[in-house]
Amino acid sequence: MNCRVCRIILTDDNWYSANKKHGSRLCTTCSNAKGTAWKQKHPEKSREYARRYYKTHPKYNVDWCRQNRIDIRKEMIAAYGGKCAMCGISDSIVLDIDHIDNSGAEDRKMDINKSRPWLLPLMFLLGLMCGWGMVLVDRQMLIEEQGRLQDEVDSARLELKITKMVDEYNEDYVEQVEWNEEALKNNGR
């Protein structure tokens, strides 16, 4: 049996079971195209049908939406390397997507890649704490501040190390001077 529109041979792989059951000779591609055309021609009826369906099948809708969100999240995390761009944490529970230049609202208005918006190049993954840090402080200032703080920490460590060395030297020097004074006293007798 062939599709009545495109004339391809109908098999279980390209023929919806509902179409087969009702004797409709449309392949999945032609059936989808017909459905899309009907929805565009009758938007109100389509919305009403969807409302009724979701009302009568709430469990299906909830399960499908939950699984769809999980799948999209996994795909998004994998697309950006699976770890935070700042701290390197890879726990998917705390990872979230962020725009490099705060252009998320503009990207959502564009028609570019609406089905997979995270594939735009100006995004990266952030851990929960890094994300909030980016929200609270301008990104460039945060990066500069991290560098400055790291320099201060390194400088403080170096000062502490030098101070310890000087203290040890002073203690050794004082001990040596005391020993020398004691030796001179003992030799002078």
N, C-alpha and C. Protein backbone atom coordinates (compact mmCIF):
# COMPACT_ATOMS: atom_id res chain seq x y z
N MET A 1 0.84 -1.17 0.00
CA MET A 1 0.00 0.00 0.00
C MET A 1 0.90 1.24 0.00
N ASN A 2 0.50 2.28 -0.75
CA ASN A 2 1.29 3.50 -0.88
C ASN A 2 0.57 4.69 -0.25
N CYS A 3 1.37 5.70 0.15
CA CYS A 3 0.81 6.95 0.65
C CYS A 3 0.06 7.62 -0.51
N ARG A 4 -1.13 8.14 -0.20
CA ARG A 4 -1.93 8.73 -1.27
C ARG A 4 -1.40 10.09 -1.72
N VAL A 5 -0.48 10.70 -0.98
CA VAL A 5 0.06 12.00 -1.36
C VAL A 5 1.42 11.85 -2.04
N CYS A 6 2.38 11.23 -1.33
CA CYS A 6 3.74 11.17 -1.87
C CYS A 6 4.07 9.83 -2.53
N ARG A 7 3.20 8.87 -2.43
CA ARG A 7 3.31 7.58 -3.10
C ARG A 7 4.43 6.66 -2.59
N ILE A 8 4.97 6.92 -1.39
CA ILE A 8 5.96 5.99 -0.87
C ILE A 8 5.25 4.78 -0.29
N ILE A 9 5.94 3.67 -0.19
CA ILE A 9 5.35 2.45 0.35
C ILE A 9 5.18 2.62 1.85
N LEU A 10 3.99 2.31 2.36
CA LEU A 10 3.69 2.45 3.78
C LEU A 10 4.16 1.21 4.53
N THR A 11 4.97 1.47 5.57
CA THR A 11 5.46 0.40 6.45
C THR A 11 5.13 0.78 7.89
N ASP A 12 5.43 -0.11 8.82
CA ASP A 12 5.19 0.21 10.24
C ASP A 12 6.04 1.38 10.71
N ASP A 13 7.19 1.60 10.09
CA ASP A 13 8.09 2.69 10.47
C ASP A 13 7.61 4.06 10.02
N ASN A 14 6.88 4.14 8.90
CA ASN A 14 6.46 5.44 8.38
C ASN A 14 4.94 5.60 8.30
N TRP A 15 4.21 4.79 9.06
CA TRP A 15 2.75 4.84 9.02
C TRP A 15 2.23 4.80 10.46
N TYR A 16 1.60 5.91 10.90
CA TYR A 16 1.06 5.96 12.26
C TYR A 16 0.04 4.83 12.44
N SER A 17 0.05 4.22 13.62
CA SER A 17 -0.87 3.12 13.89
C SER A 17 -2.33 3.59 13.84
N ALA A 18 -2.58 4.83 14.28
CA ALA A 18 -3.94 5.37 14.23
C ALA A 18 -4.40 5.51 12.77
N ASN A 19 -3.51 5.99 11.90
CA ASN A 19 -3.87 6.10 10.47
C ASN A 19 -4.13 4.72 9.88
N LYS A 20 -3.29 3.77 10.26
CA LYS A 20 -3.46 2.41 9.76
C LYS A 20 -4.80 1.84 10.23
N LYS A 21 -5.12 2.04 11.52
CA LYS A 21 -6.35 1.51 12.11
C LYS A 21 -7.59 2.09 11.43
N HIS A 22 -7.55 3.38 11.09
CA HIS A 22 -8.70 4.04 10.48
C HIS A 22 -8.68 4.01 8.95
N GLY A 23 -7.71 3.34 8.37
CA GLY A 23 -7.65 3.19 6.92
C GLY A 23 -7.13 4.41 6.18
N SER A 24 -6.50 5.35 6.88
CA SER A 24 -5.94 6.53 6.23
C SER A 24 -4.61 6.15 5.60
N ARG A 25 -4.48 6.38 4.32
CA ARG A 25 -3.25 6.03 3.61
C ARG A 25 -2.32 7.24 3.51
N LEU A 26 -1.90 7.76 4.68
CA LEU A 26 -0.94 8.86 4.73
C LEU A 26 0.29 8.41 5.52
N CYS A 27 1.47 8.69 4.97
CA CYS A 27 2.71 8.40 5.71
C CYS A 27 2.85 9.43 6.84
N THR A 28 3.79 9.19 7.74
CA THR A 28 3.96 10.10 8.89
C THR A 28 4.27 11.53 8.43
N THR A 29 5.11 11.68 7.41
CA THR A 29 5.48 13.01 6.93
C THR A 29 4.27 13.76 6.38
N CYS A 30 3.50 13.10 5.55
CA CYS A 30 2.32 13.74 4.96
C CYS A 30 1.24 13.98 6.02
N SER A 31 1.10 13.05 6.97
CA SER A 31 0.14 13.22 8.04
C SER A 31 0.50 14.43 8.91
N ASN A 32 1.79 14.57 9.23
CA ASN A 32 2.25 15.72 10.01
C ASN A 32 2.01 17.02 9.25
N ALA A 33 2.28 17.03 7.95
CA ALA A 33 2.08 18.23 7.14
C ALA A 33 0.60 18.60 7.09
N LYS A 34 -0.25 17.60 6.98
CA LYS A 34 -1.69 17.84 6.94
C LYS A 34 -2.15 18.42 8.29
N GLY A 35 -1.65 17.86 9.38
CA GLY A 35 -2.01 18.35 10.71
C GLY A 35 -1.54 19.79 10.93
N THR A 36 -0.34 20.09 10.50
CA THR A 36 0.20 21.45 10.64
C THR A 36 -0.62 22.44 9.83
N ALA A 37 -0.99 22.05 8.60
CA ALA A 37 -1.80 22.93 7.75
C ALA A 37 -3.17 23.17 8.39
N TRP A 38 -3.76 22.12 8.97
CA TRP A 38 -5.07 22.28 9.61
C TRP A 38 -4.95 23.22 10.81
N LYS A 39 -3.88 23.07 11.62
CA LYS A 39 -3.69 23.94 12.79
C LYS A 39 -3.52 25.40 12.38
N GLN A 40 -2.83 25.63 11.28
CA GLN A 40 -2.64 27.00 10.81
C GLN A 40 -3.94 27.58 10.27
N LYS A 41 -4.75 26.75 9.66
CA LYS A 41 -6.01 27.21 9.09
C LYS A 41 -7.07 27.41 10.17
N HIS A 42 -7.02 26.61 11.23
CA HIS A 42 -8.03 26.66 12.31
C HIS A 42 -7.33 26.80 13.68
N PRO A 43 -6.70 27.95 13.96
CA PRO A 43 -5.94 28.09 15.21
C PRO A 43 -6.82 27.98 16.46
N GLU A 44 -8.03 28.54 16.43
CA GLU A 44 -8.90 28.49 17.61
C GLU A 44 -9.34 27.06 17.90
N LYS A 45 -9.75 26.33 16.86
CA LYS A 45 -10.16 24.93 17.05
C LYS A 45 -8.98 24.10 17.55
N SER A 46 -7.80 24.38 17.04
CA SER A 46 -6.60 23.65 17.45
C SER A 46 -6.31 23.89 18.93
N ARG A 47 -6.39 25.15 19.36
CA ARG A 47 -6.14 25.46 20.78
C ARG A 47 -7.20 24.81 21.67
N GLU A 48 -8.46 24.85 21.23
CA GLU A 48 -9.53 24.24 22.02
C GLU A 48 -9.33 22.73 22.12
N TYR A 49 -8.94 22.10 21.04
CA TYR A 49 -8.66 20.66 21.05
C TYR A 49 -7.51 20.35 22.03
N ALA A 50 -6.46 21.16 21.98
CA ALA A 50 -5.31 20.95 22.87
C ALA A 50 -5.73 21.13 24.33
N ARG A 51 -6.55 22.15 24.62
CA ARG A 51 -7.03 22.37 26.00
C ARG A 51 -7.81 21.17 26.51
N ARG A 52 -8.73 20.68 25.67
CA ARG A 52 -9.53 19.52 26.08
C ARG A 52 -8.66 18.29 26.28
N TYR A 53 -7.72 18.09 25.37
CA TYR A 53 -6.85 16.91 25.46
C TYR A 53 -6.02 16.96 26.75
N TYR A 54 -5.41 18.10 27.03
CA TYR A 54 -4.57 18.21 28.23
C TYR A 54 -5.40 18.12 29.51
N LYS A 55 -6.65 18.56 29.44
CA LYS A 55 -7.52 18.47 30.60
C LYS A 55 -7.90 17.01 30.86
N THR A 56 -8.15 16.27 29.80
CA THR A 56 -8.55 14.86 29.96
C THR A 56 -7.36 13.92 30.10
N HIS A 57 -6.15 14.36 29.79
CA HIS A 57 -4.94 13.52 29.90
C HIS A 57 -3.85 14.25 30.70
N PRO A 58 -4.15 14.67 31.93
CA PRO A 58 -3.16 15.48 32.66
C PRO A 58 -1.87 14.73 32.97
N LYS A 59 -1.97 13.46 33.29
CA LYS A 59 -0.76 12.69 33.64
C LYS A 59 0.19 12.60 32.45
N TYR A 60 -0.36 12.37 31.26
CA TYR A 60 0.48 12.28 30.06
C TYR A 60 1.22 13.59 29.85
N ASN A 61 0.52 14.70 29.98
CA ASN A 61 1.13 16.01 29.75
C ASN A 61 2.23 16.29 30.77
N VAL A 62 1.98 16.01 32.05
CA VAL A 62 2.97 16.25 33.09
C VAL A 62 4.20 15.38 32.86
N ASP A 63 3.98 14.09 32.60
CA ASP A 63 5.10 13.17 32.38
C ASP A 63 5.91 13.58 31.15
N TRP A 64 5.21 13.93 30.07
CA TRP A 64 5.92 14.30 28.85
C TRP A 64 6.74 15.57 29.07
N CYS A 65 6.12 16.58 29.70
CA CYS A 65 6.83 17.84 29.94
C CYS A 65 8.04 17.63 30.84
N ARG A 66 7.89 16.84 31.89
CA ARG A 66 9.00 16.58 32.81
C ARG A 66 10.15 15.91 32.06
N GLN A 67 9.83 14.85 31.30
CA GLN A 67 10.88 14.14 30.58
C GLN A 67 11.52 15.02 29.52
N ASN A 68 10.72 15.86 28.86
CA ASN A 68 11.25 16.76 27.84
C ASN A 68 12.23 17.76 28.47
N ARG A 69 11.87 18.32 29.63
CA ARG A 69 12.79 19.25 30.32
C ARG A 69 14.09 18.56 30.71
N ILE A 70 13.98 17.32 31.20
CA ILE A 70 15.18 16.57 31.60
C ILE A 70 16.07 16.33 30.39
N ASP A 71 15.46 15.91 29.27
CA ASP A 71 16.24 15.64 28.06
C ASP A 71 16.91 16.90 27.52
N ILE A 72 16.17 18.01 27.49
CA ILE A 72 16.73 19.27 27.00
C ILE A 72 17.87 19.74 27.90
N ARG A 73 17.71 19.59 29.20
CA ARG A 73 18.76 20.00 30.14
C ARG A 73 20.03 19.18 29.93
N LYS A 74 19.87 17.85 29.76
CA LYS A 74 21.03 16.99 29.51
C LYS A 74 21.74 17.40 28.22
N GLU A 75 20.96 17.66 27.18
CA GLU A 75 21.54 18.06 25.90
C GLU A 75 22.27 19.40 26.02
N MET A 76 21.67 20.34 26.76
CA MET A 76 22.27 21.65 26.96
C MET A 76 23.59 21.54 27.71
N ILE A 77 23.60 20.78 28.80
CA ILE A 77 24.82 20.63 29.60
C ILE A 77 25.92 19.97 28.78
N ALA A 78 25.56 18.95 28.02
CA ALA A 78 26.56 18.27 27.18
C ALA A 78 27.11 19.20 26.10
N ALA A 79 26.25 20.07 25.56
CA ALA A 79 26.68 20.97 24.48
C ALA A 79 27.73 21.97 24.95
N TYR A 80 27.76 22.29 26.24
CA TYR A 80 28.71 23.26 26.77
C TYR A 80 29.79 22.65 27.64
N GLY A 81 30.05 21.36 27.47
CA GLY A 81 31.18 20.73 28.13
C GLY A 81 30.90 20.11 29.47
N GLY A 82 29.73 20.29 30.04
CA GLY A 82 29.35 19.60 31.25
C GLY A 82 29.96 20.10 32.54
N LYS A 83 30.58 21.28 32.54
CA LYS A 83 31.13 21.80 33.78
C LYS A 83 31.09 23.32 33.79
N CYS A 84 31.15 23.89 35.00
CA CYS A 84 31.10 25.34 35.18
C CYS A 84 32.32 25.98 34.52
N ALA A 85 32.09 27.07 33.82
CA ALA A 85 33.17 27.76 33.12
C ALA A 85 34.11 28.46 34.10
N MET A 86 33.67 28.71 35.32
CA MET A 86 34.51 29.43 36.28
C MET A 86 35.19 28.50 37.28
N CYS A 87 34.40 27.66 37.95
CA CYS A 87 34.98 26.84 39.02
C CYS A 87 35.20 25.39 38.62
N GLY A 88 34.62 24.95 37.49
CA GLY A 88 34.84 23.60 37.00
C GLY A 88 33.95 22.53 37.60
N ILE A 89 32.97 22.91 38.43
CA ILE A 89 32.08 21.92 39.04
C ILE A 89 31.27 21.24 37.94
N SER A 90 31.07 19.92 38.07
CA SER A 90 30.37 19.20 37.01
C SER A 90 29.07 18.57 37.48
N ASP A 91 28.60 18.91 38.65
CA ASP A 91 27.33 18.39 39.18
C ASP A 91 26.18 19.03 38.41
N SER A 92 25.47 18.23 37.63
CA SER A 92 24.44 18.77 36.75
C SER A 92 23.29 19.43 37.51
N ILE A 93 23.15 19.13 38.78
CA ILE A 93 22.07 19.74 39.58
C ILE A 93 22.29 21.24 39.74
N VAL A 94 23.54 21.66 39.86
CA VAL A 94 23.82 23.08 40.12
C VAL A 94 24.24 23.86 38.88
N LEU A 95 24.32 23.20 37.72
CA LEU A 95 24.74 23.90 36.51
C LEU A 95 23.57 24.61 35.85
N ASP A 96 23.85 25.78 35.30
CA ASP A 96 22.84 26.56 34.61
C ASP A 96 23.52 27.29 33.45
N ILE A 97 22.73 27.73 32.49
CA ILE A 97 23.29 28.40 31.32
C ILE A 97 23.26 29.92 31.53
N ASP A 98 24.25 30.60 31.00
CA ASP A 98 24.30 32.06 31.13
C ASP A 98 24.82 32.64 29.82
N HIS A 99 24.39 33.85 29.51
CA HIS A 99 24.87 34.56 28.33
C HIS A 99 26.10 35.37 28.71
N ILE A 100 27.10 35.37 27.87
CA ILE A 100 28.34 36.08 28.15
C ILE A 100 28.10 37.57 28.27
N ASP A 101 27.26 38.11 27.41
CA ASP A 101 27.07 39.57 27.38
C ASP A 101 25.66 39.99 27.82
N ASN A 102 25.01 39.17 28.66
CA ASN A 102 23.66 39.47 29.15
C ASN A 102 22.64 39.70 28.04
N SER A 103 22.75 38.96 26.94
CA SER A 103 21.87 39.18 25.79
C SER A 103 20.77 38.14 25.70
N GLY A 104 20.40 37.50 26.80
CA GLY A 104 19.39 36.45 26.77
C GLY A 104 18.05 36.91 26.25
N ALA A 105 17.60 38.09 26.68
CA ALA A 105 16.31 38.60 26.23
C ALA A 105 16.31 38.85 24.72
N GLU A 106 17.41 39.38 24.21
CA GLU A 106 17.52 39.64 22.77
C GLU A 106 17.52 38.34 21.98
N ASP A 107 18.24 37.32 22.49
CA ASP A 107 18.29 36.03 21.80
C ASP A 107 16.92 35.37 21.74
N ARG A 108 16.13 35.51 22.82
CA ARG A 108 14.80 34.89 22.82
C ARG A 108 13.87 35.57 21.84
N LYS A 109 14.10 36.84 21.52
CA LYS A 109 13.26 37.56 20.56
C LYS A 109 13.59 37.18 19.12
N MET A 110 14.82 36.72 18.89
CA MET A 110 15.24 36.37 17.53
C MET A 110 14.68 35.00 17.16
N ASP A 111 14.52 34.77 15.86
CA ASP A 111 14.02 33.48 15.39
C ASP A 111 15.14 32.46 15.19
N ILE A 112 16.37 32.85 15.51
CA ILE A 112 17.50 31.96 15.29
C ILE A 112 17.45 30.81 16.28
N ASN A 113 17.37 29.60 15.77
CA ASN A 113 17.52 28.38 16.56
C ASN A 113 16.60 28.34 17.78
N LYS A 114 15.31 28.60 17.60
CA LYS A 114 14.39 28.59 18.74
C LYS A 114 14.23 27.20 19.33
N SER A 115 14.42 26.16 18.52
CA SER A 115 14.25 24.82 19.06
C SER A 115 15.39 24.45 19.99
N ARG A 116 16.58 24.96 19.78
CA ARG A 116 17.74 24.68 20.63
C ARG A 116 18.51 25.98 20.86
N PRO A 117 17.96 26.91 21.67
CA PRO A 117 18.59 28.22 21.83
C PRO A 117 19.96 28.18 22.49
N TRP A 118 20.27 27.12 23.25
CA TRP A 118 21.56 27.07 23.93
C TRP A 118 22.71 26.79 22.98
N LEU A 119 22.42 26.52 21.73
CA LEU A 119 23.50 26.28 20.77
C LEU A 119 24.08 27.57 20.22
N LEU A 120 23.59 28.71 20.69
CA LEU A 120 24.17 29.98 20.28
C LEU A 120 25.57 30.10 20.90
N PRO A 121 26.51 30.74 20.21
CA PRO A 121 27.89 30.74 20.68
C PRO A 121 28.18 31.64 21.88
N LEU A 122 27.31 32.56 22.22
CA LEU A 122 27.61 33.51 23.28
C LEU A 122 27.04 33.09 24.63
N MET A 123 27.14 31.80 24.94
CA MET A 123 26.63 31.29 26.20
C MET A 123 27.67 30.37 26.84
N PHE A 124 27.52 30.15 28.14
CA PHE A 124 28.39 29.21 28.84
C PHE A 124 27.67 28.69 30.08
N LEU A 125 28.19 27.60 30.66
CA LEU A 125 27.60 27.02 31.86
C LEU A 125 28.22 27.64 33.10
N LEU A 126 27.40 27.85 34.10
CA LEU A 126 27.88 28.33 35.39
C LEU A 126 27.27 27.49 36.50
N GLY A 127 28.05 27.26 37.56
CA GLY A 127 27.52 26.63 38.75
C GLY A 127 26.62 27.61 39.48
N LEU A 128 25.87 27.12 40.43
CA LEU A 128 24.90 27.95 41.15
C LEU A 128 25.55 29.17 41.80
N MET A 129 26.63 28.94 42.54
CA MET A 129 27.28 30.05 43.24
C MET A 129 27.96 31.01 42.25
N CYS A 130 28.57 30.48 41.23
CA CYS A 130 29.21 31.35 40.23
C CYS A 130 28.16 32.18 39.50
N GLY A 131 27.01 31.57 39.21
CA GLY A 131 25.93 32.28 38.54
C GLY A 131 25.42 33.44 39.38
N TRP A 132 25.22 33.20 40.67
CA TRP A 132 24.77 34.29 41.53
C TRP A 132 25.84 35.35 41.68
N GLY A 133 27.09 34.92 41.70
CA GLY A 133 28.18 35.90 41.74
C GLY A 133 28.17 36.77 40.51
N MET A 134 27.86 36.17 39.36
CA MET A 134 27.82 36.94 38.11
C MET A 134 26.63 37.89 38.11
N VAL A 135 25.55 37.49 38.76
CA VAL A 135 24.38 38.36 38.82
C VAL A 135 24.66 39.56 39.72
N LEU A 136 25.34 39.31 40.83
CA LEU A 136 25.55 40.36 41.81
C LEU A 136 26.65 41.35 41.44
N VAL A 137 27.59 40.92 40.63
CA VAL A 137 28.74 41.76 40.30
C VAL A 137 28.93 41.71 38.78
N ASP A 138 29.32 42.81 38.21
CA ASP A 138 29.60 42.83 36.78
C ASP A 138 30.68 41.80 36.47
N ARG A 139 30.54 41.10 35.36
CA ARG A 139 31.44 40.00 35.02
C ARG A 139 32.91 40.42 34.95
N GLN A 140 33.19 41.47 34.27
CA GLN A 140 34.58 41.89 34.12
C GLN A 140 35.16 42.32 35.47
N MET A 141 34.36 43.00 36.25
CA MET A 141 34.83 43.41 37.58
C MET A 141 35.11 42.18 38.43
N LEU A 142 34.25 41.15 38.30
CA LEU A 142 34.44 39.94 39.07
C LEU A 142 35.75 39.25 38.67
N ILE A 143 35.99 39.17 37.38
CA ILE A 143 37.22 38.53 36.90
C ILE A 143 38.43 39.32 37.38
N GLU A 144 38.39 40.64 37.26
CA GLU A 144 39.51 41.46 37.73
C GLU A 144 39.69 41.34 39.24
N GLU A 145 38.57 41.31 39.96
CA GLU A 145 38.62 41.19 41.42
C GLU A 145 39.22 39.84 41.82
N GLN A 146 38.83 38.78 41.11
CA GLN A 146 39.40 37.46 41.41
C GLN A 146 40.91 37.48 41.19
N GLY A 147 41.35 38.10 40.11
CA GLY A 147 42.79 38.19 39.83
C GLY A 147 43.50 39.00 40.90
N ARG A 148 42.89 40.13 41.29
CA ARG A 148 43.49 40.98 42.32
C ARG A 148 43.56 40.24 43.66
N LEU A 149 42.46 39.57 44.02
CA LEU A 149 42.43 38.83 45.27
C LEU A 149 43.47 37.70 45.26
N GLN A 150 43.58 37.04 44.12
CA GLN A 150 44.58 35.97 44.03
C GLN A 150 45.99 36.54 44.19
N ASP A 151 46.24 37.73 43.58
CA ASP A 151 47.54 38.40 43.74
C ASP A 151 47.78 38.77 45.20
N GLU A 152 46.72 39.27 45.87
CA GLU A 152 46.85 39.62 47.28
C GLU A 152 47.14 38.39 48.14
N VAL A 153 46.44 37.31 47.84
CA VAL A 153 46.66 36.06 48.59
C VAL A 153 48.09 35.58 48.38
N ASP A 154 48.52 35.58 47.10
CA ASP A 154 49.89 35.16 46.81
C ASP A 154 50.90 36.06 47.50
N SER A 155 50.65 37.38 47.48
CA SER A 155 51.54 38.34 48.13
C SER A 155 51.56 38.12 49.64
N ALA A 156 50.37 37.89 50.22
CA ALA A 156 50.30 37.65 51.67
C ALA A 156 51.02 36.37 52.04
N ARG A 157 50.88 35.34 51.21
CA ARG A 157 51.59 34.08 51.47
C ARG A 157 53.10 34.30 51.42
N LEU A 158 53.55 35.07 50.43
CA LEU A 158 54.97 35.35 50.29
C LEU A 158 55.46 36.16 51.49
N GLU A 159 54.69 37.17 51.89
CA GLU A 159 55.08 37.98 53.06
C GLU A 159 55.15 37.12 54.32
N LEU A 160 54.17 36.23 54.48
CA LEU A 160 54.16 35.35 55.62
C LEU A 160 55.38 34.43 55.62
N LYS A 161 55.68 33.92 54.44
CA LYS A 161 56.84 33.04 54.30
C LYS A 161 58.13 33.79 54.65
N ILE A 162 58.25 35.01 54.12
CA ILE A 162 59.44 35.83 54.40
C ILE A 162 59.49 36.17 55.89
N THR A 163 58.34 36.54 56.45
CA THR A 163 58.28 36.87 57.88
C THR A 163 58.72 35.67 58.73
N LYS A 164 58.22 34.49 58.37
CA LYS A 164 58.62 33.29 59.10
C LYS A 164 60.12 33.05 58.98
N MET A 165 60.63 33.24 57.76
CA MET A 165 62.07 33.04 57.54
C MET A 165 62.87 34.04 58.37
N VAL A 166 62.42 35.31 58.37
CA VAL A 166 63.12 36.35 59.13
C VAL A 166 63.05 36.04 60.62
N ASP A 167 61.86 35.62 61.09
CA ASP A 167 61.69 35.28 62.50
C ASP A 167 62.60 34.12 62.88
N GLU A 168 62.63 33.09 62.02
CA GLU A 168 63.51 31.96 62.29
C GLU A 168 64.97 32.40 62.30
N TYR A 169 65.32 33.24 61.34
CA TYR A 169 66.70 33.76 61.29
C TYR A 169 67.01 34.56 62.53
N ASN A 170 66.05 35.45 62.92
CA ASN A 170 66.26 36.26 64.13
C ASN A 170 66.39 35.38 65.37
N GLU A 171 65.55 34.35 65.47
CA GLU A 171 65.65 33.46 66.61
C GLU A 171 66.99 32.75 66.63
N ASP A 172 67.40 32.28 65.44
CA ASP A 172 68.71 31.63 65.33
C ASP A 172 69.82 32.62 65.68
N TYR A 173 69.69 33.84 65.17
CA TYR A 173 70.72 34.87 65.40
C TYR A 173 70.80 35.20 66.89
N VAL A 174 69.62 35.38 67.52
CA VAL A 174 69.59 35.69 68.95
C VAL A 174 70.20 34.54 69.74
N GLU A 175 69.83 33.30 69.38
CA GLU A 175 70.41 32.15 70.06
C GLU A 175 71.92 32.11 69.88
N GLN A 176 72.37 32.42 68.67
CA GLN A 176 73.81 32.41 68.38
C GLN A 176 74.52 33.49 69.19
N VAL A 177 73.93 34.69 69.24
CA VAL A 177 74.53 35.79 70.00
C VAL A 177 74.57 35.43 71.48
N GLU A 178 73.47 34.87 72.00
CA GLU A 178 73.44 34.47 73.40
C GLU A 178 74.47 33.39 73.68
N TRP A 179 74.58 32.44 72.76
CA TRP A 179 75.57 31.37 72.94
C TRP A 179 76.98 31.94 72.93
N ASN A 180 77.23 32.91 71.97
CA ASN A 180 78.55 33.54 71.90
C ASN A 180 78.85 34.32 73.17
N GLU A 181 77.88 35.07 73.69
CA GLU A 181 78.08 35.83 74.93
C GLU A 181 78.36 34.89 76.09
N GLU A 182 77.63 33.80 76.15
CA GLU A 182 77.82 32.82 77.20
C GLU A 182 79.21 32.20 77.09
N ALA A 183 79.61 31.89 75.83
CA ALA A 183 80.94 31.30 75.60
C ALA A 183 82.02 32.27 76.01
N LEU A 184 81.83 33.56 75.71
CA LEU A 184 82.84 34.57 76.07
C LEU A 184 82.93 34.69 77.61
N LYS A 185 81.81 34.65 78.27
CA LYS A 185 81.81 34.74 79.71
C LYS A 185 82.55 33.54 80.33
N ASN A 186 82.29 32.37 79.78
CA ASN A 186 82.90 31.14 80.29
C ASN A 186 84.41 31.14 80.01
N ASN A 187 84.85 31.67 78.88
CA ASN A 187 86.27 31.70 78.52
C ASN A 187 86.98 32.81 79.29
N GLY A 188 86.27 33.84 79.66
CA GLY A 188 86.87 34.98 80.37
C GLY A 188 87.12 34.66 81.82
N ARG A 189 86.67 33.68 82.39
CA ARG A 189 86.87 33.39 83.79
C ARG A 189 88.20 32.90 84.07
